[in-house]
C-alpha atoms as a PDB file:
ATOM      1  CA  MET A   1       8.662  14.155  15.232  1.00  0.00           C
ATOM      2  CA  ARG A   2       7.677  12.212  12.217  1.00  0.00           C
ATOM      3  CA  VAL A   3       4.025  11.131  11.852  1.00  0.00           C
ATOM      4  CA  SER A   4       2.166   8.335   9.910  1.00  0.00           C
ATOM      5  CA  ILE A   5      -1.489   7.703   9.385  1.00  0.00           C
ATOM      6  CA  VAL A   6      -2.573   4.159   8.453  1.00  0.00           C
ATOM      7  CA  GLY A   7      -5.812   2.038   8.183  1.00  0.00           C
ATOM      8  CA  ALA A   8      -7.909   0.090   5.898  1.00  0.00           C
ATOM      9  CA  THR A   9      -9.247   1.383   2.554  1.00  0.00           C
ATOM     10  CA  ALA A  10     -12.033   3.917   2.841  1.00  0.00           C
ATOM     11  CA  THR A  11     -11.312   4.925   6.452  1.00  0.00           C
ATOM     12  CA  GLY A  12     -10.599   8.428   5.528  1.00  0.00           C
ATOM     13  CA  LYS A  13      -6.685   8.559   5.849  1.00  0.00           C
ATOM     14  CA  THR A  14      -6.119  11.010   3.181  1.00  0.00           C
ATOM     15  CA  ALA A  15      -8.802  13.570   4.421  1.00  0.00           C
ATOM     16  CA  LEU A  16      -7.335  13.422   7.890  1.00  0.00           C
ATOM     17  CA  ALA A  17      -3.803  13.821   6.750  1.00  0.00           C
ATOM     18  CA  VAL A  18      -4.744  16.814   4.567  1.00  0.00           C
ATOM     19  CA  SER A  19      -6.599  18.421   7.403  1.00  0.00           C
ATOM     20  CA  TYR A  20      -3.638  17.928   9.715  1.00  0.00           C
ATOM     21  CA  ALA A  21      -1.211  19.324   7.189  1.00  0.00           C
ATOM     22  CA  ARG A  22      -3.307  22.466   6.652  1.00  0.00           C
ATOM     23  CA  ARG A  23      -3.562  23.065  10.384  1.00  0.00           C
ATOM     24  CA  THR A  24       0.161  22.606  11.089  1.00  0.00           C
ATOM     25  CA  THR A  25       1.499  24.561   8.021  1.00  0.00           C
ATOM     26  CA  ASN A  26       4.973  22.833   8.295  1.00  0.00           C
ATOM     27  CA  THR A  27       3.851  19.328   7.316  1.00  0.00           C
ATOM     28  CA  GLU A  28       4.596  17.682   4.072  1.00  0.00           C
ATOM     29  CA  LEU A  29       2.856  14.551   2.955  1.00  0.00           C
ATOM     30  CA  VAL A  30       4.348  11.303   1.823  1.00  0.00           C
ATOM     31  CA  SER A  31       2.045   8.776   0.112  1.00  0.00           C
ATOM     32  CA  ALA A  32       2.520   5.198   1.169  1.00  0.00           C
ATOM     33  CA  ASP A  33       0.215   3.683  -1.449  1.00  0.00           C
ATOM     34  CA  ALA A  34       1.423   1.028  -3.791  1.00  0.00           C
ATOM     35  CA  PHE A  35      -0.671   2.328  -6.750  1.00  0.00           C
ATOM     36  CA  CYS A  36      -0.756   6.067  -6.261  1.00  0.00           C
ATOM     37  CA  VAL A  37       2.776   6.141  -7.671  1.00  0.00           C
ATOM     38  CA  TYR A  38       1.348   5.443 -11.074  1.00  0.00           C
ATOM     39  CA  ARG A  39       0.531   8.413 -13.321  1.00  0.00           C
ATOM     40  CA  ASP A  40      -3.043   8.453 -14.858  1.00  0.00           C
ATOM     41  CA  MET A  41      -4.252   5.755 -12.393  1.00  0.00           C
ATOM     42  CA  ASP A  42      -6.155   8.487 -10.525  1.00  0.00           C
ATOM     43  CA  ILE A  43      -9.852   7.525  -9.985  1.00  0.00           C
ATOM     44  CA  GLY A  44      -9.558   3.926  -9.009  1.00  0.00           C
ATOM     45  CA  THR A  45      -6.619   4.475  -6.598  1.00  0.00           C
ATOM     46  CA  ALA A  46      -8.554   7.279  -4.820  1.00  0.00           C
ATOM     47  CA  LYS A  47      -5.472   9.420  -5.343  1.00  0.00           C
ATOM     48  CA  PRO A  48      -5.520  12.799  -3.642  1.00  0.00           C
ATOM     49  CA  THR A  49      -7.655  15.268  -5.597  1.00  0.00           C
ATOM     50  CA  ALA A  50      -6.539  18.618  -6.877  1.00  0.00           C
ATOM     51  CA  GLU A  51      -8.267  20.149  -3.976  1.00  0.00           C
ATOM     52  CA  GLU A  52      -6.446  17.877  -1.566  1.00  0.00           C
ATOM     53  CA  ARG A  53      -3.136  18.820  -3.100  1.00  0.00           C
ATOM     54  CA  ASP A  54      -3.810  22.527  -3.441  1.00  0.00           C
ATOM     55  CA  GLY A  55      -1.252  24.479  -1.289  1.00  0.00           C
ATOM     56  CA  LEU A  56       0.356  21.249   0.101  1.00  0.00           C
ATOM     57  CA  CYS A  57       3.524  19.431  -0.671  1.00  0.00           C
ATOM     58  CA  TRP A  58       2.927  15.754  -1.606  1.00  0.00           C
ATOM     59  CA  HIS A  59       5.640  13.232  -2.356  1.00  0.00           C
ATOM     60  CA  LEU A  60       5.566   9.897  -4.194  1.00  0.00           C
ATOM     61  CA  LEU A  61       2.521  10.502  -6.249  1.00  0.00           C
ATOM     62  CA  ASP A  62       2.593  10.136 -10.065  1.00  0.00           C
ATOM     63  CA  ILE A  63       6.309   9.163 -10.168  1.00  0.00           C
ATOM     64  CA  CYS A  64       6.213   6.303 -12.719  1.00  0.00           C
ATOM     65  CA  ASP A  65       4.348   5.168 -15.850  1.00  0.00           C
ATOM     66  CA  PRO A  66       1.675   2.432 -15.423  1.00  0.00           C
ATOM     67  CA  GLY A  67       3.658   0.292 -17.787  1.00  0.00           C
ATOM     68  CA  GLU A  68       6.551   0.057 -15.317  1.00  0.00           C
ATOM     69  CA  GLU A  69       7.104  -2.417 -12.501  1.00  0.00           C
ATOM     70  CA  TYR A  70       7.212  -0.740  -9.153  1.00  0.00           C
ATOM     71  CA  THR A  71       8.582  -2.483  -6.050  1.00  0.00           C
ATOM     72  CA  VAL A  72       8.570  -1.895  -2.303  1.00  0.00           C
ATOM     73  CA  ALA A  73      12.495  -1.504  -2.635  1.00  0.00           C
ATOM     74  CA  ARG A  74      11.936   1.427  -5.105  1.00  0.00           C
ATOM     75  CA  PHE A  75       9.472   2.892  -2.760  1.00  0.00           C
ATOM     76  CA  GLN A  76      11.729   2.592   0.278  1.00  0.00           C
ATOM     77  CA  GLU A  77      14.634   4.474  -1.511  1.00  0.00           C
ATOM     78  CA  ALA A  78      12.356   7.188  -2.721  1.00  0.00           C
ATOM     79  CA  ALA A  79      10.744   7.565   0.622  1.00  0.00           C
ATOM     80  CA  ARG A  80      14.080   7.854   2.304  1.00  0.00           C
ATOM     81  CA  VAL A  81      14.966  10.694   0.048  1.00  0.00           C
ATOM     82  CA  ALA A  82      11.644  12.363   0.523  1.00  0.00           C
ATOM     83  CA  VAL A  83      11.709  12.174   4.286  1.00  0.00           C
ATOM     84  CA  ALA A  84      15.327  13.526   4.393  1.00  0.00           C
ATOM     85  CA  SER A  85      14.521  16.441   2.147  1.00  0.00           C
ATOM     86  CA  ILE A  86      11.503  17.350   4.247  1.00  0.00           C
ATOM     87  CA  GLU A  87      13.448  17.398   7.385  1.00  0.00           C
ATOM     88  CA  GLU A  88      16.246  19.343   5.797  1.00  0.00           C
ATOM     89  CA  ARG A  89      13.708  22.095   5.248  1.00  0.00           C
ATOM     90  CA  GLY A  90      12.719  22.001   8.932  1.00  0.00           C
ATOM     91  CA  HIS A  91       9.293  20.480   8.090  1.00  0.00           C
ATOM     92  CA  VAL A  92       7.560  17.482   9.496  1.00  0.00           C
ATOM     93  CA  PRO A  93       7.052  14.298   7.244  1.00  0.00           C
ATOM     94  CA  LEU A  94       3.580  12.656   7.413  1.00  0.00           C
ATOM     95  CA  VAL A  95       3.392   9.265   5.770  1.00  0.00           C
ATOM     96  CA  VAL A  96      -0.130   8.287   4.795  1.00  0.00           C
ATOM     97  CA  GLY A  97      -1.416   5.193   3.165  1.00  0.00           C
ATOM     98  CA  GLY A  98      -2.794   1.695   3.520  1.00  0.00           C
ATOM     99  CA  THR A  99      -0.056  -0.408   1.911  1.00  0.00           C
ATOM    100  CA  GLY A 100       1.172  -2.158   4.974  1.00  0.00           C
ATOM    101  CA  LEU A 101       4.597  -3.216   3.626  1.00  0.00           C
ATOM    102  CA  TYR A 102       5.340   0.187   2.154  1.00  0.00           C
ATOM    103  CA  HIS A 103       4.513   1.696   5.588  1.00  0.00           C
ATOM    104  CA  ARG A 104       6.762  -0.717   7.506  1.00  0.00           C
ATOM    105  CA  ALA A 105       9.545  -0.368   4.903  1.00  0.00           C
ATOM    106  CA  ILE A 106       9.841   3.429   5.826  1.00  0.00           C
ATOM    107  CA  VAL A 107       8.749   3.436   9.419  1.00  0.00           C
ATOM    108  CA  ASP A 108      10.998   0.658  10.321  1.00  0.00           C
ATOM    109  CA  ASP A 109      13.634   1.057   7.547  1.00  0.00           C
ATOM    110  CA  LEU A 110      13.286  -2.743   6.870  1.00  0.00           C
ATOM    111  CA  LYS A 111      16.141  -4.754   5.282  1.00  0.00           C
ATOM    112  CA  LEU A 112      14.601  -5.820   2.002  1.00  0.00           C
ATOM    113  CA  PRO A 113      15.619  -8.780  -0.232  1.00  0.00           C
ATOM    114  CA  GLY A 114      17.061  -7.741  -3.596  1.00  0.00           C
ATOM    115  CA  GLN A 115      15.715  -8.096  -7.138  1.00  0.00           C
ATOM    116  CA  PHE A 116      16.867 -10.825  -9.551  1.00  0.00           C
ATOM    117  CA  PRO A 117      15.009 -10.179 -12.767  1.00  0.00           C
ATOM    118  CA  GLU A 118      16.579 -12.993 -14.861  1.00  0.00           C
ATOM    119  CA  VAL A 119      15.877 -15.586 -12.128  1.00  0.00           C
ATOM    120  CA  ALA A 120      12.262 -14.225 -11.845  1.00  0.00           C
ATOM    121  CA  ALA A 121      11.739 -14.444 -15.572  1.00  0.00           C
ATOM    122  CA  SER A 122      12.911 -18.129 -15.564  1.00  0.00           C
ATOM    123  CA  LEU A 123      10.534 -18.915 -12.794  1.00  0.00           C
ATOM    124  CA  GLU A 124       7.700 -17.254 -14.505  1.00  0.00           C
ATOM    125  CA  ARG A 125       8.259 -19.418 -17.541  1.00  0.00           C
ATOM    126  CA  GLN A 126       8.250 -22.532 -15.347  1.00  0.00           C
ATOM    127  CA  ALA A 127       5.066 -21.390 -13.722  1.00  0.00           C
ATOM    128  CA  ASP A 128       3.456 -21.213 -17.186  1.00  0.00           C
ATOM    129  CA  GLU A 129       4.131 -24.879 -17.740  1.00  0.00           C
ATOM    130  CA  GLU A 130       1.405 -27.476 -16.985  1.00  0.00           C
ATOM    131  CA  GLY A 131       1.889 -28.391 -13.313  1.00  0.00           C
ATOM    132  CA  GLY A 132       4.585 -25.790 -13.157  1.00  0.00           C
ATOM    133  CA  LEU A 133       3.257 -23.937 -10.134  1.00  0.00           C
ATOM    134  CA  ALA A 134       3.007 -27.202  -8.108  1.00  0.00           C
ATOM    135  CA  ARG A 135       6.618 -27.972  -8.990  1.00  0.00           C
ATOM    136  CA  LEU A 136       7.738 -24.499  -8.024  1.00  0.00           C
ATOM    137  CA  TYR A 137       5.950 -24.937  -4.583  1.00  0.00           C
ATOM    138  CA  ASP A 138       7.642 -28.249  -3.937  1.00  0.00           C
ATOM    139  CA  ARG A 139      10.894 -26.679  -4.714  1.00  0.00           C
ATOM    140  CA  LEU A 140      10.215 -23.888  -2.196  1.00  0.00           C
ATOM    141  CA  VAL A 141       9.309 -26.528   0.428  1.00  0.00           C
ATOM    142  CA  GLU A 142      12.629 -28.067  -0.116  1.00  0.00           C
ATOM    143  CA  LEU A 143      14.608 -24.899  -0.090  1.00  0.00           C
ATOM    144  CA  ASP A 144      12.834 -22.743   2.360  1.00  0.00           C
ATOM    145  CA  PRO A 145      10.059 -24.618   4.221  1.00  0.00           C
ATOM    146  CA  ASP A 146       9.388 -21.770   6.698  1.00  0.00           C
ATOM    147  CA  ALA A 147       8.537 -19.543   3.748  1.00  0.00           C
ATOM    148  CA  ALA A 148       6.507 -22.226   1.988  1.00  0.00           C
ATOM    149  CA  ALA A 149       4.377 -22.666   5.195  1.00  0.00           C
ATOM    150  CA  LYS A 150       3.260 -19.041   4.963  1.00  0.00           C
ATOM    151  CA  ILE A 151       2.507 -19.055   1.095  1.00  0.00           C
ATOM    152  CA  SER A 152      -0.471 -20.627  -0.574  1.00  0.00           C
ATOM    153  CA  PRO A 153       0.617 -23.126  -3.274  1.00  0.00           C
ATOM    154  CA  SER A 154      -1.724 -21.158  -5.677  1.00  0.00           C
ATOM    155  CA  ASN A 155      -0.292 -17.746  -4.915  1.00  0.00           C
ATOM    156  CA  ARG A 156       1.898 -17.420  -7.998  1.00  0.00           C
ATOM    157  CA  ARG A 157       3.242 -13.992  -7.293  1.00  0.00           C
ATOM    158  CA  ARG A 158       4.481 -14.625  -3.811  1.00  0.00           C
ATOM    159  CA  LEU A 159       5.694 -18.158  -4.727  1.00  0.00           C
ATOM    160  CA  VAL A 160       7.856 -16.771  -7.589  1.00  0.00           C
ATOM    161  CA  ARG A 161       9.054 -13.850  -5.437  1.00  0.00           C
ATOM    162  CA  ALA A 162      10.226 -16.194  -2.620  1.00  0.00           C
ATOM    163  CA  LEU A 163      12.058 -18.498  -4.949  1.00  0.00           C
ATOM    164  CA  GLU A 164      13.538 -15.626  -6.822  1.00  0.00           C
ATOM    165  CA  VAL A 165      15.156 -14.374  -3.620  1.00  0.00           C
ATOM    166  CA  VAL A 166      16.247 -17.877  -2.490  1.00  0.00           C
ATOM    167  CA  LEU A 167      17.884 -18.683  -5.848  1.00  0.00           C
ATOM    168  CA  GLY A 168      19.185 -15.220  -6.564  1.00  0.00           C
ATOM    169  CA  SER A 169      20.576 -14.378  -3.122  1.00  0.00           C
ATOM    170  CA  GLY A 170      21.544 -17.751  -1.755  1.00  0.00           C
ATOM    171  CA  ASN A 171      19.610 -16.895   1.428  1.00  0.00           C
ATOM    172  CA  ARG A 172      16.253 -18.141   2.579  1.00  0.00           C
ATOM    173  CA  PHE A 173      13.326 -15.754   1.791  1.00  0.00           C
ATOM    174  CA  SER A 174      12.109 -16.359   5.410  1.00  0.00           C
ATOM    175  CA  SER A 175      15.330 -14.893   6.697  1.00  0.00           C
ATOM    176  CA  PHE A 176      14.077 -11.494   5.825  1.00  0.00           C
ATOM    177  CA  GLY A 177      10.715 -12.149   7.527  1.00  0.00           C
ATOM    178  CA  PRO A 178      11.627 -11.669  11.268  1.00  0.00           C
ATOM    179  CA  GLY A 179      11.762  -7.943  10.723  1.00  0.00           C
ATOM    180  CA  LEU A 180       8.014  -7.951  10.120  1.00  0.00           C
ATOM    181  CA  LEU A 181       7.333  -9.674  13.319  1.00  0.00           C
ATOM    182  CA  HIS A 182       9.413  -7.292  15.448  1.00  0.00           C
ATOM    183  CA  TYR A 183       7.906  -3.895  16.417  1.00  0.00           C
ATOM    184  CA  GLY A 184      10.758  -1.947  17.868  1.00  0.00           C
ATOM    185  CA  PRO A 185      11.222   1.698  18.567  1.00  0.00           C
ATOM    186  CA  SER A 186      10.459   3.945  15.596  1.00  0.00           C
ATOM    187  CA  SER A 187      11.058   7.588  14.792  1.00  0.00           C
ATOM    188  CA  PHE A 188       7.415   7.796  13.660  1.00  0.00           C
ATOM    189  CA  PHE A 189       4.361   8.406  15.719  1.00  0.00           C
ATOM    190  CA  CYS A 190       1.706   6.105  14.154  1.00  0.00           C
ATOM    191  CA  ALA A 191      -1.961   6.708  14.178  1.00  0.00           C
ATOM    192  CA  GLY A 192      -4.475   4.257  12.849  1.00  0.00           C
ATOM    193  CA  LEU A 193      -8.027   4.902  11.748  1.00  0.00           C
ATOM    194  CA  SER A 194     -10.876   2.383  12.565  1.00  0.00           C
ATOM    195  CA  VAL A 195     -14.453   2.325  11.259  1.00  0.00           C
ATOM    196  CA  PRO A 196     -17.125  -0.229  12.375  1.00  0.00           C
ATOM    197  CA  ARG A 197     -17.282  -3.041   9.788  1.00  0.00           C
ATOM    198  CA  ALA A 198     -20.910  -2.396   8.613  1.00  0.00           C
ATOM    199  CA  GLU A 199     -20.188   1.238   8.048  1.00  0.00           C
ATOM    200  CA  LEU A 200     -16.932   0.495   6.262  1.00  0.00           C
ATOM    201  CA  ASP A 201     -18.644  -1.981   3.976  1.00  0.00           C
ATOM    202  CA  GLU A 202     -21.162   0.726   3.071  1.00  0.00           C
ATOM    203  CA  ARG A 203     -18.406   3.281   2.398  1.00  0.00           C
ATOM    204  CA  ILE A 204     -16.775   0.838  -0.024  1.00  0.00           C
ATOM    205  CA  ALA A 205     -19.903   0.532  -1.949  1.00  0.00           C
ATOM    206  CA  LEU A 206     -20.516   4.271  -2.070  1.00  0.00           C
ATOM    207  CA  ARG A 207     -17.087   5.127  -3.014  1.00  0.00           C
ATOM    208  CA  LEU A 208     -17.001   2.681  -5.870  1.00  0.00           C
ATOM    209  CA  ASP A 209     -20.308   4.173  -7.127  1.00  0.00           C
ATOM    210  CA  ALA A 210     -18.753   7.582  -7.023  1.00  0.00           C
ATOM    211  CA  GLN A 211     -15.615   6.312  -8.836  1.00  0.00           C
ATOM    212  CA  PHE A 212     -17.831   4.877 -11.625  1.00  0.00           C
ATOM    213  CA  ALA A 213     -19.702   8.207 -11.929  1.00  0.00           C
ATOM    214  CA  ALA A 214     -16.385  10.018 -12.103  1.00  0.00           C
ATOM    215  CA  GLY A 215     -15.156   7.948 -15.130  1.00  0.00           C
ATOM    216  CA  PHE A 216     -13.399   4.985 -13.583  1.00  0.00           C
ATOM    217  CA  VAL A 217     -14.378   2.638 -16.330  1.00  0.00           C
ATOM    218  CA  ASP A 218     -13.179   5.010 -19.083  1.00  0.00           C
ATOM    219  CA  GLU A 219      -9.902   5.519 -17.201  1.00  0.00           C
ATOM    220  CA  VAL A 220      -9.196   1.753 -17.232  1.00  0.00           C
ATOM    221  CA  VAL A 221     -10.284   1.225 -20.840  1.00  0.00           C
ATOM    222  CA  GLU A 222      -7.992   4.159 -21.933  1.00  0.00           C
ATOM    223  CA  LEU A 223      -5.019   2.688 -19.967  1.00  0.00           C
ATOM    224  CA  SER A 224      -5.697  -0.779 -21.483  1.00  0.00           C
ATOM    225  CA  ARG A 225      -5.312   0.692 -25.103  1.00  0.00           C
ATOM    226  CA  ARG A 226      -1.869   2.103 -24.445  1.00  0.00           C
ATOM    227  CA  PRO A 227       1.047   0.299 -26.260  1.00  0.00           C
ATOM    228  CA  ARG A 228       2.660  -0.613 -22.905  1.00  0.00           C
ATOM    229  CA  GLY A 229      -0.677  -1.337 -21.164  1.00  0.00           C
ATOM    230  CA  LEU A 230      -0.422  -1.875 -17.333  1.00  0.00           C
ATOM    231  CA  SER A 231       2.579  -3.601 -15.774  1.00  0.00           C
ATOM    232  CA  ARG A 232       2.223  -6.755 -13.756  1.00  0.00           C
ATOM    233  CA  THR A 233       2.341  -4.685 -10.629  1.00  0.00           C
ATOM    234  CA  ALA A 234       0.010  -1.904 -11.789  1.00  0.00           C
ATOM    235  CA  ARG A 235      -2.697  -4.300 -12.874  1.00  0.00           C
ATOM    236  CA  GLN A 236      -2.905  -5.681  -9.367  1.00  0.00           C
ATOM    237  CA  ALA A 237      -4.658  -2.463  -8.238  1.00  0.00           C
ATOM    238  CA  LEU A 238      -8.091  -3.227  -7.042  1.00  0.00           C
ATOM    239  CA  GLY A 239     -10.746  -2.254  -9.608  1.00  0.00           C
ATOM    240  CA  TYR A 240      -8.286  -2.131 -12.402  1.00  0.00           C
ATOM    241  CA  LYS A 241      -7.826  -5.873 -12.786  1.00  0.00           C
ATOM    242  CA  GLU A 242     -11.612  -6.389 -12.698  1.00  0.00           C
ATOM    243  CA  LEU A 243     -12.358  -3.585 -15.201  1.00  0.00           C
ATOM    244  CA  LEU A 244      -9.603  -4.940 -17.471  1.00  0.00           C
ATOM    245  CA  SER A 245     -11.507  -8.150 -17.499  1.00  0.00           C
ATOM    246  CA  TYR A 246     -14.612  -6.141 -18.412  1.00  0.00           C
ATOM    247  CA  ALA A 247     -12.761  -4.359 -21.119  1.00  0.00           C
ATOM    248  CA  ALA A 248     -11.720  -7.793 -22.497  1.00  0.00           C
ATOM    249  CA  GLY A 249     -15.197  -9.019 -22.504  1.00  0.00           C
ATOM    250  CA  GLU A 250     -14.665 -11.575 -19.855  1.00  0.00           C
ATOM    251  CA  LEU A 251     -17.070  -9.896 -17.324  1.00  0.00           C
ATOM    252  CA  THR A 252     -20.134  -7.752 -17.612  1.00  0.00           C
ATOM    253  CA  LEU A 253     -19.934  -4.387 -15.896  1.00  0.00           C
ATOM    254  CA  ALA A 254     -22.201  -5.507 -13.136  1.00  0.00           C
ATOM    255  CA  GLU A 255     -20.071  -8.574 -12.466  1.00  0.00           C
ATOM    256  CA  ALA A 256     -16.980  -6.386 -12.407  1.00  0.00           C
ATOM    257  CA  ARG A 257     -18.504  -4.099  -9.857  1.00  0.00           C
ATOM    258  CA  ASP A 258     -19.594  -6.966  -7.690  1.00  0.00           C
ATOM    259  CA  ALA A 259     -16.084  -8.525  -7.886  1.00  0.00           C
ATOM    260  CA  ILE A 260     -14.433  -5.131  -7.025  1.00  0.00           C
ATOM    261  CA  ILE A 261     -16.575  -4.796  -3.914  1.00  0.00           C
ATOM    262  CA  ARG A 262     -15.941  -8.431  -2.874  1.00  0.00           C
ATOM    263  CA  HIS A 263     -12.220  -8.205  -3.387  1.00  0.00           C
ATOM    264  CA  THR A 264     -12.040  -4.751  -1.651  1.00  0.00           C
ATOM    265  CA  LYS A 265     -13.588  -6.300   1.450  1.00  0.00           C
ATOM    266  CA  VAL A 266     -11.181  -8.998   1.426  1.00  0.00           C
ATOM    267  CA  LEU A 267      -8.306  -6.425   1.161  1.00  0.00           C
ATOM    268  CA  VAL A 268      -9.818  -4.406   4.068  1.00  0.00           C
ATOM    269  CA  ARG A 269      -9.823  -7.541   6.305  1.00  0.00           C
ATOM    270  CA  ARG A 270      -6.125  -8.142   5.465  1.00  0.00           C
ATOM    271  CA  GLN A 271      -5.285  -4.457   6.064  1.00  0.00           C
ATOM    272  CA  GLU A 272      -7.002  -4.486   9.474  1.00  0.00           C
ATOM    273  CA  SER A 273      -5.174  -7.674  10.454  1.00  0.00           C
ATOM    274  CA  TRP A 274      -1.820  -6.338   9.339  1.00  0.00           C
ATOM    275  CA  PHE A 275      -2.125  -3.023  11.133  1.00  0.00           C
ATOM    276  CA  ARG A 276      -3.802  -4.466  14.317  1.00  0.00           C
ATOM    277  CA  ARG A 277      -0.618  -6.555  14.930  1.00  0.00           C
ATOM    278  CA  ASP A 278       1.414  -3.388  15.419  1.00  0.00           C
ATOM    279  CA  PRO A 279       1.281  -2.393  19.158  1.00  0.00           C
ATOM    280  CA  ARG A 280       2.766   0.979  18.466  1.00  0.00           C
ATOM    281  CA  ILE A 281      -0.250   2.217  16.546  1.00  0.00           C
ATOM    282  CA  VAL A 282      -2.605   4.605  18.435  1.00  0.00           C
ATOM    283  CA  TRP A 283      -6.114   3.870  17.145  1.00  0.00           C
ATOM    284  CA  LEU A 284      -8.582   6.671  16.505  1.00  0.00           C
ATOM    285  CA  ASP A 285     -12.307   6.395  15.731  1.00  0.00           C
ATOM    286  CA  ALA A 286     -12.639   7.686  12.225  1.00  0.00           C
ATOM    287  CA  THR A 287     -16.315   8.362  12.735  1.00  0.00           C
ATOM    288  CA  ASP A 288     -15.724  10.746  15.749  1.00  0.00           C
ATOM    289  CA  PRO A 289     -16.685  14.336  14.929  1.00  0.00           C
ATOM    290  CA  GLY A 290     -13.735  15.419  16.964  1.00  0.00           C
ATOM    291  CA  LEU A 291     -11.206  13.301  15.004  1.00  0.00           C
ATOM    292  CA  ASP A 292      -8.911  16.239  14.133  1.00  0.00           C
ATOM    293  CA  ALA A 293      -8.544  17.239  17.699  1.00  0.00           C
ATOM    294  CA  ALA A 294      -8.114  13.570  18.714  1.00  0.00           C
ATOM    295  CA  LEU A 295      -5.174  13.365  16.291  1.00  0.00           C
ATOM    296  CA  ASP A 296      -3.656  16.648  17.489  1.00  0.00           C
ATOM    297  CA  GLU A 297      -3.957  15.426  21.136  1.00  0.00           C
ATOM    298  CA  ALA A 298      -2.340  12.029  20.268  1.00  0.00           C
ATOM    299  CA  VAL A 299       0.565  13.687  18.423  1.00  0.00           C
ATOM    300  CA  ALA A 300       1.156  16.203  21.159  1.00  0.00           C
ATOM    301  CA  GLY A 301       1.071  13.432  23.822  1.00  0.00           C
ATOM    302  CA  ALA A 302       3.647  11.366  21.885  1.00  0.00           C
ATOM    303  CA  ARG A 303       5.912  14.454  21.441  1.00  0.00           C
ATOM    304  CA  ILE A 304       5.854  14.967  25.276  1.00  0.00           C
ATOM    305  CA  GLU A 305       6.465  11.286  25.937  1.00  0.00           C
ATOM    306  CA  ARG A 306       9.532  11.291  23.644  1.00  0.00           C
ATOM    307  CA  ASP A 307      10.725  14.643  24.965  1.00  0.00           C
ATOM    308  CA  PRO A 308       9.446  15.428  28.464  1.00  0.00           C
ATOM    309  CA  ALA A 309      11.285  18.812  28.275  1.00  0.00           C
ATOM    310  CA  ARG A 310       8.439  19.931  26.000  1.00  0.00           C
ATOM    311  CA  ASP A 311       5.892  19.621  28.765  1.00  0.00           C
END
């Protein structure tokens, strides 16, 4: 049976997945993190460490350059290949990560809208014009009111993407949305990690301080000096966009740190809301000293439920 572990940032997903893989010996790990795909973006993404990789087989880490655009469609195709190859070896795939759409893309094999680069480039140019974003939003309201109702008029990335799909495919962007509202049967058993809000906020601050001590600032400054820099998608990674502003002299280091913590807390709330909507996820207390045993029990119970002959 396939397994996935989800949850908000700093809940300990990677540590639990690594522990499970070491206990089971036939488990291979598939990262479902939108930014761990980038080489050399290591510290700020909390990418699995050398110790957490040692002796284990990880997939979808370090697979593209930070100067490249990376999309959920690219991830979905790569994840399909990874899961198929794992099962061909008779092993168990364990998908772990906090990027909700990436998780759903593989767990539910979502039908995703295509990419239309020329249309997107044209829309980006229009968005750069004075009042351009407002005009684009009005256009989306006209062409796809259901999508417009769910997108903030100031959210340039989502607005451009929705119009790109509408104009490029001829189909409403919202026509792809019902898949996210449907939680049907899946071949994956999904476990979620929860941490009390106050403790999670503390973990976020402590982890960021540890990342700073490990050289996070230097990592971002070095990346910013590369000829290709960071792509539009790569620079959306939490911590990187704020430290890029620091490197450009737009923020002090203290201001960048405060912004990272503030934005991380916002992300955590969104992650919690996203995953809590999924009734298939079995929630585990990440602060429980018996967490490993709780996961083992939950996975074993799911196996019996799906195949009573195992009992």
